[in-house]
C-alpha atoms as a PDB file:
ATOM      1  CA  MET A   1     -15.736  18.002   8.612  1.00  0.00           C
ATOM      2  CA  THR A   2     -12.366  16.676   7.485  1.00  0.00           C
ATOM      3  CA  THR A   3      -9.194  17.350   9.416  1.00  0.00           C
ATOM      4  CA  ASN A   4      -6.110  18.292   7.452  1.00  0.00           C
ATOM      5  CA  THR A   5      -3.169  16.678   9.217  1.00  0.00           C
ATOM      6  CA  PRO A   6       0.290  16.119   7.736  1.00  0.00           C
ATOM      7  CA  ASP A   7      -0.354  12.362   7.834  1.00  0.00           C
ATOM      8  CA  ALA A   8      -3.419  12.808   5.622  1.00  0.00           C
ATOM      9  CA  ASN A   9      -1.075  14.035   2.870  1.00  0.00           C
ATOM     10  CA  LYS A  10       0.355  10.513   2.671  1.00  0.00           C
ATOM     11  CA  LYS A  11      -3.010   9.247   1.438  1.00  0.00           C
ATOM     12  CA  VAL A  12      -2.657  10.440  -2.154  1.00  0.00           C
ATOM     13  CA  LEU A  13       1.034   9.529  -2.371  1.00  0.00           C
ATOM     14  CA  ALA A  14       0.459   6.042  -0.941  1.00  0.00           C
ATOM     15  CA  GLY A  15      -2.622   5.528  -3.111  1.00  0.00           C
ATOM     16  CA  VAL A  16      -0.886   6.480  -6.356  1.00  0.00           C
ATOM     17  CA  LEU A  17       2.225   4.468  -5.510  1.00  0.00           C
ATOM     18  CA  ALA A  18       0.063   1.467  -4.632  1.00  0.00           C
ATOM     19  CA  ILE A  19      -1.640   1.638  -8.018  1.00  0.00           C
ATOM     20  CA  VAL A  20       1.542   2.247 -10.038  1.00  0.00           C
ATOM     21  CA  LEU A  21       4.208   0.303  -8.078  1.00  0.00           C
ATOM     22  CA  GLY A  22       2.025  -1.775  -5.772  1.00  0.00           C
ATOM     23  CA  ALA A  23       3.668  -5.083  -6.600  1.00  0.00           C
ATOM     24  CA  PHE A  24       6.896  -3.851  -5.026  1.00  0.00           C
ATOM     25  CA  GLY A  25       5.281  -2.585  -1.811  1.00  0.00           C
ATOM     26  CA  VAL A  26       6.560   0.979  -2.173  1.00  0.00           C
ATOM     27  CA  HIS A  27       3.330   2.343  -0.666  1.00  0.00           C
ATOM     28  CA  LYS A  28       3.903   0.239   2.458  1.00  0.00           C
ATOM     29  CA  PHE A  29       7.299   1.868   3.016  1.00  0.00           C
ATOM     30  CA  VAL A  30       5.720   5.341   2.626  1.00  0.00           C
ATOM     31  CA  LEU A  31       3.213   4.485   5.370  1.00  0.00           C
ATOM     32  CA  GLY A  32       5.965   3.111   7.632  1.00  0.00           C
ATOM     33  CA  TYR A  33       5.077  -0.574   7.239  1.00  0.00           C
ATOM     34  CA  THR A  34       8.577  -1.895   6.605  1.00  0.00           C
ATOM     35  CA  THR A  35       7.797  -5.570   7.274  1.00  0.00           C
ATOM     36  CA  GLU A  36       4.769  -5.580   4.975  1.00  0.00           C
ATOM     37  CA  GLY A  37       6.736  -3.715   2.307  1.00  0.00           C
ATOM     38  CA  LEU A  38       9.572  -6.226   2.440  1.00  0.00           C
ATOM     39  CA  ILE A  39       7.105  -9.112   2.210  1.00  0.00           C
ATOM     40  CA  MET A  40       5.525  -7.631  -0.924  1.00  0.00           C
ATOM     41  CA  LEU A  41       8.918  -6.869  -2.441  1.00  0.00           C
ATOM     42  CA  LEU A  42      10.306 -10.353  -1.805  1.00  0.00           C
ATOM     43  CA  VAL A  43       7.143 -12.114  -2.981  1.00  0.00           C
ATOM     44  CA  SER A  44       7.202 -10.048  -6.173  1.00  0.00           C
ATOM     45  CA  LEU A  45      10.877 -10.541  -6.914  1.00  0.00           C
ATOM     46  CA  VAL A  46      11.669 -14.029  -5.616  1.00  0.00           C
ATOM     47  CA  GLY A  47       8.202 -15.488  -5.981  1.00  0.00           C
ATOM     48  CA  GLY A  48       7.857 -13.878  -9.386  1.00  0.00           C
ATOM     49  CA  VAL A  49      10.941 -15.678 -10.657  1.00  0.00           C
ATOM     50  CA  ILE A  50       9.830 -19.026  -9.228  1.00  0.00           C
ATOM     51  CA  THR A  51       6.229 -18.750 -10.493  1.00  0.00           C
ATOM     52  CA  CYS A  52       7.042 -17.103 -13.861  1.00  0.00           C
ATOM     53  CA  GLY A  53       5.470 -13.827 -12.762  1.00  0.00           C
ATOM     54  CA  LEU A  54       2.276 -15.084 -11.141  1.00  0.00           C
ATOM     55  CA  ALA A  55       3.339 -13.990  -7.655  1.00  0.00           C
ATOM     56  CA  SER A  56       4.254 -10.556  -9.009  1.00  0.00           C
ATOM     57  CA  ALA A  57       0.871 -10.278 -10.700  1.00  0.00           C
ATOM     58  CA  ALA A  58      -0.864 -11.234  -7.447  1.00  0.00           C
ATOM     59  CA  MET A  59       1.067  -8.566  -5.533  1.00  0.00           C
ATOM     60  CA  GLY A  60       0.203  -6.062  -8.262  1.00  0.00           C
ATOM     61  CA  ILE A  61      -3.494  -6.826  -7.794  1.00  0.00           C
ATOM     62  CA  VAL A  62      -3.142  -6.426  -4.020  1.00  0.00           C
ATOM     63  CA  GLY A  63      -1.420  -3.078  -4.578  1.00  0.00           C
ATOM     64  CA  LEU A  64      -4.133  -1.931  -6.979  1.00  0.00           C
ATOM     65  CA  ILE A  65      -6.881  -2.826  -4.512  1.00  0.00           C
ATOM     66  CA  GLU A  66      -5.057  -1.116  -1.637  1.00  0.00           C
ATOM     67  CA  GLY A  67      -4.490   1.997  -3.747  1.00  0.00           C
ATOM     68  CA  ILE A  68      -8.178   2.248  -4.568  1.00  0.00           C
ATOM     69  CA  ILE A  69      -9.079   1.721  -0.906  1.00  0.00           C
ATOM     70  CA  TYR A  70      -6.636   4.435   0.207  1.00  0.00           C
ATOM     71  CA  LEU A  71      -7.921   6.973  -2.300  1.00  0.00           C
ATOM     72  CA  THR A  72     -11.607   6.370  -1.575  1.00  0.00           C
ATOM     73  CA  LYS A  73     -11.316   6.865   2.192  1.00  0.00           C
ATOM     74  CA  SER A  74     -11.772  10.277   3.741  1.00  0.00           C
ATOM     75  CA  ASP A  75      -8.638  11.889   5.174  1.00  0.00           C
ATOM     76  CA  GLU A  76      -9.859  11.311   8.718  1.00  0.00           C
ATOM     77  CA  GLU A  77     -10.743   7.675   8.068  1.00  0.00           C
ATOM     78  CA  PHE A  78      -7.387   7.090   6.344  1.00  0.00           C
ATOM     79  CA  VAL A  79      -5.420   8.570   9.262  1.00  0.00           C
ATOM     80  CA  ASN A  80      -7.417   6.596  11.842  1.00  0.00           C
ATOM     81  CA  THR A  81      -7.094   3.309   9.963  1.00  0.00           C
ATOM     82  CA  TYR A  82      -3.553   3.377   8.581  1.00  0.00           C
ATOM     83  CA  ILE A  83      -1.606   5.902  10.660  1.00  0.00           C
ATOM     84  CA  VAL A  84      -3.147   5.618  14.143  1.00  0.00           C
ATOM     85  CA  ASN A  85      -4.324   1.984  14.191  1.00  0.00           C
ATOM     86  CA  LYS A  86      -1.542   0.689  11.899  1.00  0.00           C
ATOM     87  CA  LYS A  87      -3.709  -1.622   9.758  1.00  0.00           C
ATOM     88  CA  GLY A  88      -1.023  -3.172   7.551  1.00  0.00           C
ATOM     89  CA  TRP A  89      -3.055  -5.150   5.021  1.00  0.00           C
ATOM     90  CA  LEU A  90      -6.144  -4.271   3.021  1.00  0.00           C
END
């Protein structure tokens, strides 16, 4: 049985944002992970300029993987892992 909590609604939003805008860490900000979001944003922008886009591509891949992980978890598992236990990375 799956519980329908307001925090479970963030799953789809965070998952889609991670897939579409993952390199910029937007999904991290939605989940309340400001530090992790800033790290992804700075690595993408600053590191992307220094490495001719390789750092941005790497952050995009991380975002894609996280988005898939978010969307494949059950609502209950998502809430327990990312809202309650605050698992910031993958």
